[in-house]
Amino acid sequence: MEWVYTNLSQKPAFSLPSAIEVLKNKTGDCNEHTTFNQSPMDAIHIPLIEGDIGKQIGLLGYIGNIDVEVLDYD
């Protein structure tokens, strides 16, 4: 995570580059970039799904329609 955060430049992508393309070009957007070098993640960086691009595309219908309520935060 730290290497990716330190060595990749954040640049918007209008496609879904493979991990090999991201490493080759050392650029990626939020899909390819680690979560701001945070471990563990905080309440605004919650993974919604794990899996291949087919599963990720399934989330598109939820974008802008998800409500999150934080019940407790230390």
PDB file of N, CA and C in Angstrom:
ATOM      1  N   MET A   1       0.827  -1.182   0.000  1.00  0.00           N
ATOM      2  CA  MET A   1       0.000   0.000   0.000  1.00  0.00           C
ATOM      3  C   MET A   1       0.872   1.246   0.000  1.00  0.00           C
ATOM      4  N   GLU A   2       1.887   1.282   0.859  1.00  0.00           N
ATOM      5  CA  GLU A   2       2.737   2.463   0.938  1.00  0.00           C
ATOM      6  C   GLU A   2       3.496   2.698  -0.369  1.00  0.00           C
ATOM      7  N   TRP A   3       3.990   1.618  -1.006  1.00  0.00           N
ATOM      8  CA  TRP A   3       4.710   1.762  -2.265  1.00  0.00           C
ATOM      9  C   TRP A   3       3.802   2.345  -3.343  1.00  0.00           C
ATOM     10  N   VAL A   4       2.592   1.844  -3.429  1.00  0.00           N
ATOM     11  CA  VAL A   4       1.650   2.343  -4.436  1.00  0.00           C
ATOM     12  C   VAL A   4       1.356   3.815  -4.184  1.00  0.00           C
ATOM     13  N   TYR A   5       1.098   4.173  -2.929  1.00  0.00           N
ATOM     14  CA  TYR A   5       0.792   5.563  -2.581  1.00  0.00           C
ATOM     15  C   TYR A   5       1.964   6.480  -2.930  1.00  0.00           C
ATOM     16  N   THR A   6       3.170   6.017  -2.669  1.00  0.00           N
ATOM     17  CA  THR A   6       4.366   6.836  -2.886  1.00  0.00           C
ATOM     18  C   THR A   6       4.779   6.909  -4.354  1.00  0.00           C
ATOM     19  N   ASN A   7       4.590   5.831  -5.092  1.00  0.00           N
ATOM     20  CA  ASN A   7       5.164   5.740  -6.435  1.00  0.00           C
ATOM     21  C   ASN A   7       4.201   5.933  -7.598  1.00  0.00           C
ATOM     22  N   LEU A   8       2.902   5.921  -7.362  1.00  0.00           N
ATOM     23  CA  LEU A   8       1.948   6.151  -8.450  1.00  0.00           C
ATOM     24  C   LEU A   8       1.450   7.579  -8.413  1.00  0.00           C
ATOM     25  N   SER A   9       1.311   8.175  -9.586  1.00  0.00           N
ATOM     26  CA  SER A   9       0.714   9.501  -9.695  1.00  0.00           C
ATOM     27  C   SER A   9      -0.780   9.328  -9.900  1.00  0.00           C
ATOM     28  N   GLN A  10      -1.547  10.161  -9.222  1.00  0.00           N
ATOM     29  CA  GLN A  10      -2.994  10.078  -9.375  1.00  0.00           C
ATOM     30  C   GLN A  10      -3.411  10.894 -10.592  1.00  0.00           C
ATOM     31  N   LYS A  11      -4.066  10.227 -11.546  1.00  0.00           N
ATOM     32  CA  LYS A  11      -4.477  10.864 -12.793  1.00  0.00           C
ATOM     33  C   LYS A  11      -5.803  10.247 -13.219  1.00  0.00           C
ATOM     34  N   PRO A  12      -6.817  11.047 -13.517  1.00  0.00           N
ATOM     35  CA  PRO A  12      -8.101  10.475 -13.934  1.00  0.00           C
ATOM     36  C   PRO A  12      -7.948   9.572 -15.154  1.00  0.00           C
ATOM     37  N   ALA A  13      -8.657   8.468 -15.125  1.00  0.00           N
ATOM     38  CA  ALA A  13      -8.640   7.530 -16.256  1.00  0.00           C
ATOM     39  C   ALA A  13     -10.062   7.381 -16.768  1.00  0.00           C
ATOM     40  N   PHE A  14     -10.221   7.385 -18.070  1.00  0.00           N
ATOM     41  CA  PHE A  14     -11.545   7.245 -18.661  1.00  0.00           C
ATOM     42  C   PHE A  14     -11.786   5.819 -19.133  1.00  0.00           C
ATOM     43  N   SER A  15     -10.966   4.917 -18.610  1.00  0.00           N
ATOM     44  CA  SER A  15     -11.102   3.498 -18.905  1.00  0.00           C
ATOM     45  C   SER A  15     -10.817   2.743 -17.613  1.00  0.00           C
ATOM     46  N   LEU A  16     -10.791   1.437 -17.702  1.00  0.00           N
ATOM     47  CA  LEU A  16     -10.449   0.624 -16.550  1.00  0.00           C
ATOM     48  C   LEU A  16      -9.140  -0.099 -16.846  1.00  0.00           C
ATOM     49  N   PRO A  17      -8.009   0.580 -16.586  1.00  0.00           N
ATOM     50  CA  PRO A  17      -6.723  -0.017 -16.913  1.00  0.00           C
ATOM     51  C   PRO A  17      -6.441  -1.239 -16.040  1.00  0.00           C
ATOM     52  N   SER A  18      -5.674  -2.151 -16.596  1.00  0.00           N
ATOM     53  CA  SER A  18      -5.285  -3.325 -15.826  1.00  0.00           C
ATOM     54  C   SER A  18      -4.190  -2.940 -14.836  1.00  0.00           C
ATOM     55  N   ALA A  19      -3.955  -3.799 -13.870  1.00  0.00           N
ATOM     56  CA  ALA A  19      -2.885  -3.561 -12.899  1.00  0.00           C
ATOM     57  C   ALA A  19      -1.537  -3.449 -13.601  1.00  0.00           C
ATOM     58  N   ILE A  20      -1.340  -4.218 -14.652  1.00  0.00           N
ATOM     59  CA  ILE A  20      -0.081  -4.157 -15.401  1.00  0.00           C
ATOM     60  C   ILE A  20       0.089  -2.784 -16.051  1.00  0.00           C
ATOM     61  N   GLU A  21      -0.992  -2.241 -16.635  1.00  0.00           N
ATOM     62  CA  GLU A  21      -0.922  -0.901 -17.238  1.00  0.00           C
ATOM     63  C   GLU A  21      -0.621   0.153 -16.187  1.00  0.00           C
ATOM     64  N   VAL A  22      -1.247   0.041 -15.033  1.00  0.00           N
ATOM     65  CA  VAL A  22      -1.028   1.007 -13.955  1.00  0.00           C
ATOM     66  C   VAL A  22       0.430   0.966 -13.505  1.00  0.00           C
ATOM     67  N   LEU A  23       0.979  -0.224 -13.302  1.00  0.00           N
ATOM     68  CA  LEU A  23       2.378  -0.332 -12.894  1.00  0.00           C
ATOM     69  C   LEU A  23       3.328   0.162 -13.981  1.00  0.00           C
ATOM     70  N   LYS A  24       3.021  -0.151 -15.236  1.00  0.00           N
ATOM     71  CA  LYS A  24       3.869   0.276 -16.351  1.00  0.00           C
ATOM     72  C   LYS A  24       3.906   1.798 -16.468  1.00  0.00           C
ATOM     73  N   ASN A  25       2.740   2.439 -16.358  1.00  0.00           N
ATOM     74  CA  ASN A  25       2.636   3.889 -16.520  1.00  0.00           C
ATOM     75  C   ASN A  25       2.816   4.658 -15.217  1.00  0.00           C
ATOM     76  N   LYS A  26       2.747   3.956 -14.100  1.00  0.00           N
ATOM     77  CA  LYS A  26       2.829   4.538 -12.753  1.00  0.00           C
ATOM     78  C   LYS A  26       1.828   5.671 -12.561  1.00  0.00           C
ATOM     79  N   THR A  27       0.642   5.492 -13.151  1.00  0.00           N
ATOM     80  CA  THR A  27      -0.457   6.430 -12.939  1.00  0.00           C
ATOM     81  C   THR A  27      -1.741   5.630 -12.776  1.00  0.00           C
ATOM     82  N   GLY A  28      -2.685   6.212 -12.063  1.00  0.00           N
ATOM     83  CA  GLY A  28      -3.980   5.583 -11.892  1.00  0.00           C
ATOM     84  C   GLY A  28      -4.939   6.542 -11.222  1.00  0.00           C
ATOM     85  N   ASP A  29      -6.225   6.233 -11.302  1.00  0.00           N
ATOM     86  CA  ASP A  29      -7.203   7.059 -10.600  1.00  0.00           C
ATOM     87  C   ASP A  29      -7.581   6.353  -9.300  1.00  0.00           C
ATOM     88  N   CYS A  30      -8.693   6.737  -8.707  1.00  0.00           N
ATOM     89  CA  CYS A  30      -9.046   6.205  -7.391  1.00  0.00           C
ATOM     90  C   CYS A  30      -9.255   4.690  -7.399  1.00  0.00           C
ATOM     91  N   ASN A  31      -9.577   4.113  -8.552  1.00  0.00           N
ATOM     92  CA  ASN A  31      -9.738   2.663  -8.608  1.00  0.00           C
ATOM     93  C   ASN A  31      -8.410   1.943  -8.467  1.00  0.00           C
ATOM     94  N   GLU A  32      -7.334   2.568  -8.917  1.00  0.00           N
ATOM     95  CA  GLU A  32      -6.034   1.927  -8.908  1.00  0.00           C
ATOM     96  C   GLU A  32      -5.135   2.422  -7.783  1.00  0.00           C
ATOM     97  N   HIS A  33      -5.499   3.498  -7.150  1.00  0.00           N
ATOM     98  CA  HIS A  33      -4.672   4.122  -6.124  1.00  0.00           C
ATOM     99  C   HIS A  33      -5.096   3.617  -4.754  1.00  0.00           C
ATOM    100  N   THR A  34      -4.178   3.448  -3.811  1.00  0.00           N
ATOM    101  CA  THR A  34      -4.536   3.008  -2.463  1.00  0.00           C
ATOM    102  C   THR A  34      -5.301   4.123  -1.746  1.00  0.00           C
ATOM    103  N   THR A  35      -6.006   3.751  -0.727  1.00  0.00           N
ATOM    104  CA  THR A  35      -6.868   4.682   0.013  1.00  0.00           C
ATOM    105  C   THR A  35      -6.070   5.626   0.890  1.00  0.00           C
ATOM    106  N   PHE A  36      -5.396   6.659   0.251  1.00  0.00           N
ATOM    107  CA  PHE A  36      -4.660   7.741   0.911  1.00  0.00           C
ATOM    108  C   PHE A  36      -3.637   7.244   1.930  1.00  0.00           C
ATOM    109  N   ASN A  37      -3.024   6.075   1.661  1.00  0.00           N
ATOM    110  CA  ASN A  37      -1.999   5.491   2.533  1.00  0.00           C
ATOM    111  C   ASN A  37      -2.543   5.250   3.943  1.00  0.00           C
ATOM    112  N   GLN A  38      -3.788   4.860   4.044  1.00  0.00           N
ATOM    113  CA  GLN A  38      -4.423   4.609   5.333  1.00  0.00           C
ATOM    114  C   GLN A  38      -4.611   3.126   5.568  1.00  0.00           C
ATOM    115  N   SER A  39      -4.229   2.674   6.730  1.00  0.00           N
ATOM    116  CA  SER A  39      -4.507   1.307   7.142  1.00  0.00           C
ATOM    117  C   SER A  39      -4.613   1.299   8.654  1.00  0.00           C
ATOM    118  N   PRO A  40      -5.729   0.971   9.218  1.00  0.00           N
ATOM    119  CA  PRO A  40      -6.962   0.579   8.543  1.00  0.00           C
ATOM    120  C   PRO A  40      -7.658   1.789   7.930  1.00  0.00           C
ATOM    121  N   MET A  41      -8.643   1.530   7.069  1.00  0.00           N
ATOM    122  CA  MET A  41      -9.374   2.600   6.404  1.00  0.00           C
ATOM    123  C   MET A  41     -10.263   3.321   7.411  1.00  0.00           C
ATOM    124  N   ASP A  42     -10.552   4.577   7.120  1.00  0.00           N
ATOM    125  CA  ASP A  42     -11.469   5.306   7.988  1.00  0.00           C
ATOM    126  C   ASP A  42     -12.898   5.187   7.457  1.00  0.00           C
ATOM    127  N   ALA A  43     -13.805   5.860   8.093  1.00  0.00           N
ATOM    128  CA  ALA A  43     -15.228   5.695   7.788  1.00  0.00           C
ATOM    129  C   ALA A  43     -15.625   6.165   6.391  1.00  0.00           C
ATOM    130  N   ILE A  44     -14.824   7.006   5.747  1.00  0.00           N
ATOM    131  CA  ILE A  44     -15.202   7.459   4.402  1.00  0.00           C
ATOM    132  C   ILE A  44     -14.584   6.611   3.295  1.00  0.00           C
ATOM    133  N   HIS A  45     -13.838   5.582   3.670  1.00  0.00           N
ATOM    134  CA  HIS A  45     -13.227   4.690   2.686  1.00  0.00           C
ATOM    135  C   HIS A  45     -13.625   3.258   3.003  1.00  0.00           C
ATOM    136  N   ILE A  46     -14.838   2.933   2.676  1.00  0.00           N
ATOM    137  CA  ILE A  46     -15.402   1.629   2.982  1.00  0.00           C
ATOM    138  C   ILE A  46     -15.479   0.811   1.697  1.00  0.00           C
ATOM    139  N   PRO A  47     -14.831  -0.363   1.661  1.00  0.00           N
ATOM    140  CA  PRO A  47     -14.963  -1.190   0.459  1.00  0.00           C
ATOM    141  C   PRO A  47     -16.397  -1.686   0.308  1.00  0.00           C
ATOM    142  N   LEU A  48     -16.946  -1.542  -0.871  1.00  0.00           N
ATOM    143  CA  LEU A  48     -18.325  -1.965  -1.122  1.00  0.00           C
ATOM    144  C   LEU A  48     -18.403  -3.326  -1.780  1.00  0.00           C
ATOM    145  N   ILE A  49     -17.324  -3.732  -2.458  1.00  0.00           N
ATOM    146  CA  ILE A  49     -17.358  -5.001  -3.188  1.00  0.00           C
ATOM    147  C   ILE A  49     -15.926  -5.449  -3.462  1.00  0.00           C
ATOM    148  N   GLU A  50     -15.743  -6.736  -3.580  1.00  0.00           N
ATOM    149  CA  GLU A  50     -14.473  -7.298  -4.011  1.00  0.00           C
ATOM    150  C   GLU A  50     -14.747  -8.171  -5.217  1.00  0.00           C
ATOM    151  N   GLY A  51     -13.858  -8.134  -6.182  1.00  0.00           N
ATOM    152  CA  GLY A  51     -14.053  -8.991  -7.340  1.00  0.00           C
ATOM    153  C   GLY A  51     -13.624  -8.342  -8.629  1.00  0.00           C
ATOM    154  N   ASP A  52     -13.946  -9.004  -9.700  1.00  0.00           N
ATOM    155  CA  ASP A  52     -13.524  -8.556 -11.017  1.00  0.00           C
ATOM    156  C   ASP A  52     -14.377  -7.392 -11.507  1.00  0.00           C
ATOM    157  N   ILE A  53     -14.086  -6.927 -12.696  1.00  0.00           N
ATOM    158  CA  ILE A  53     -14.767  -5.761 -13.265  1.00  0.00           C
ATOM    159  C   ILE A  53     -16.264  -5.973 -13.401  1.00  0.00           C
ATOM    160  N   GLY A  54     -16.692  -7.186 -13.650  1.00  0.00           N
ATOM    161  CA  GLY A  54     -18.124  -7.461 -13.764  1.00  0.00           C
ATOM    162  C   GLY A  54     -18.866  -7.142 -12.472  1.00  0.00           C
ATOM    163  N   LYS A  55     -18.269  -7.484 -11.353  1.00  0.00           N
ATOM    164  CA  LYS A  55     -18.886  -7.164 -10.059  1.00  0.00           C
ATOM    165  C   LYS A  55     -18.838  -5.662  -9.789  1.00  0.00           C
ATOM    166  N   GLN A  56     -17.740  -5.027 -10.163  1.00  0.00           N
ATOM    167  CA  GLN A  56     -17.612  -3.586  -9.942  1.00  0.00           C
ATOM    168  C   GLN A  56     -18.629  -2.813 -10.763  1.00  0.00           C
ATOM    169  N   ILE A  57     -18.857  -3.212 -11.991  1.00  0.00           N
ATOM    170  CA  ILE A  57     -19.835  -2.536 -12.850  1.00  0.00           C
ATOM    171  C   ILE A  57     -21.231  -2.636 -12.233  1.00  0.00           C
ATOM    172  N   GLY A  58     -21.493  -3.719 -11.533  1.00  0.00           N
ATOM    173  CA  GLY A  58     -22.781  -3.875 -10.871  1.00  0.00           C
ATOM    174  C   GLY A  58     -23.078  -2.799  -9.838  1.00  0.00           C
ATOM    175  N   LEU A  59     -22.046  -2.093  -9.373  1.00  0.00           N
ATOM    176  CA  LEU A  59     -22.239  -1.020  -8.394  1.00  0.00           C
ATOM    177  C   LEU A  59     -22.696   0.298  -9.015  1.00  0.00           C
ATOM    178  N   LEU A  60     -22.550   0.444 -10.318  1.00  0.00           N
ATOM    179  CA  LEU A  60     -22.855   1.721 -10.968  1.00  0.00           C
ATOM    180  C   LEU A  60     -24.269   2.210 -10.680  1.00  0.00           C
ATOM    181  N   GLY A  61     -25.209   1.321 -10.595  1.00  0.00           N
ATOM    182  CA  GLY A  61     -26.584   1.722 -10.316  1.00  0.00           C
ATOM    183  C   GLY A  61     -26.790   2.286  -8.919  1.00  0.00           C
ATOM    184  N   TYR A  62     -25.822   2.054  -8.040  1.00  0.00           N
ATOM    185  CA  TYR A  62     -25.939   2.544  -6.663  1.00  0.00           C
ATOM    186  C   TYR A  62     -25.249   3.881  -6.440  1.00  0.00           C
ATOM    187  N   ILE A  63     -24.398   4.286  -7.372  1.00  0.00           N
ATOM    188  CA  ILE A  63     -23.660   5.532  -7.217  1.00  0.00           C
ATOM    189  C   ILE A  63     -24.639   6.692  -7.067  1.00  0.00           C
ATOM    190  N   GLY A  64     -24.445   7.465  -6.026  1.00  0.00           N
ATOM    191  CA  GLY A  64     -25.316   8.600  -5.746  1.00  0.00           C
ATOM    192  C   GLY A  64     -26.589   8.225  -5.011  1.00  0.00           C
ATOM    193  N   ASN A  65     -26.794   6.947  -4.752  1.00  0.00           N
ATOM    194  CA  ASN A  65     -28.014   6.500  -4.085  1.00  0.00           C
ATOM    195  C   ASN A  65     -27.744   5.766  -2.776  1.00  0.00           C
ATOM    196  N   ILE A  66     -26.527   5.856  -2.272  1.00  0.00           N
ATOM    197  CA  ILE A  66     -26.168   5.154  -1.039  1.00  0.00           C
ATOM    198  C   ILE A  66     -26.141   6.155   0.109  1.00  0.00           C
ATOM    199  N   ASP A  67     -26.837   5.837   1.172  1.00  0.00           N
ATOM    200  CA  ASP A  67     -26.798   6.629   2.394  1.00  0.00           C
ATOM    201  C   ASP A  67     -26.043   5.829   3.451  1.00  0.00           C
ATOM    202  N   VAL A  68     -25.122   6.494   4.129  1.00  0.00           N
ATOM    203  CA  VAL A  68     -24.343   5.853   5.178  1.00  0.00           C
ATOM    204  C   VAL A  68     -24.560   6.623   6.460  1.00  0.00           C
ATOM    205  N   GLU A  69     -24.833   5.896   7.510  1.00  0.00           N
ATOM    206  CA  GLU A  69     -24.986   6.509   8.827  1.00  0.00           C
ATOM    207  C   GLU A  69     -23.904   5.959   9.736  1.00  0.00           C
ATOM    208  N   VAL A  70     -23.060   6.844  10.266  1.00  0.00           N
ATOM    209  CA  VAL A  70     -22.003   6.428  11.175  1.00  0.00           C
ATOM    210  C   VAL A  70     -22.602   6.398  12.580  1.00  0.00           C
ATOM    211  N   LEU A  71     -22.609   5.213  13.172  1.00  0.00           N
ATOM    212  CA  LEU A  71     -23.198   5.041  14.497  1.00  0.00           C
ATOM    213  C   LEU A  71     -22.204   5.308  15.605  1.00  0.00           C
ATOM    214  N   ASP A  72     -20.933   5.037  15.346  1.00  0.00           N
ATOM    215  CA  ASP A  72     -19.909   5.255  16.352  1.00  0.00           C
ATOM    216  C   ASP A  72     -18.587   5.425  15.646  1.00  0.00           C
ATOM    217  N   TYR A  73     -17.773   6.343  16.092  1.00  0.00           N
ATOM    218  CA  TYR A  73     -16.470   6.568  15.501  1.00  0.00           C
ATOM    219  C   TYR A  73     -15.521   7.005  16.599  1.00  0.00           C
ATOM    220  N   ASP A  74     -14.415   6.278  16.734  1.00  0.00           N
ATOM    221  CA  ASP A  74     -13.426   6.618  17.788  1.00  0.00           C
ATOM    222  C   ASP A  74     -12.389   7.557  17.268  1.00  0.00           C
TER     223      ASP A  74
END
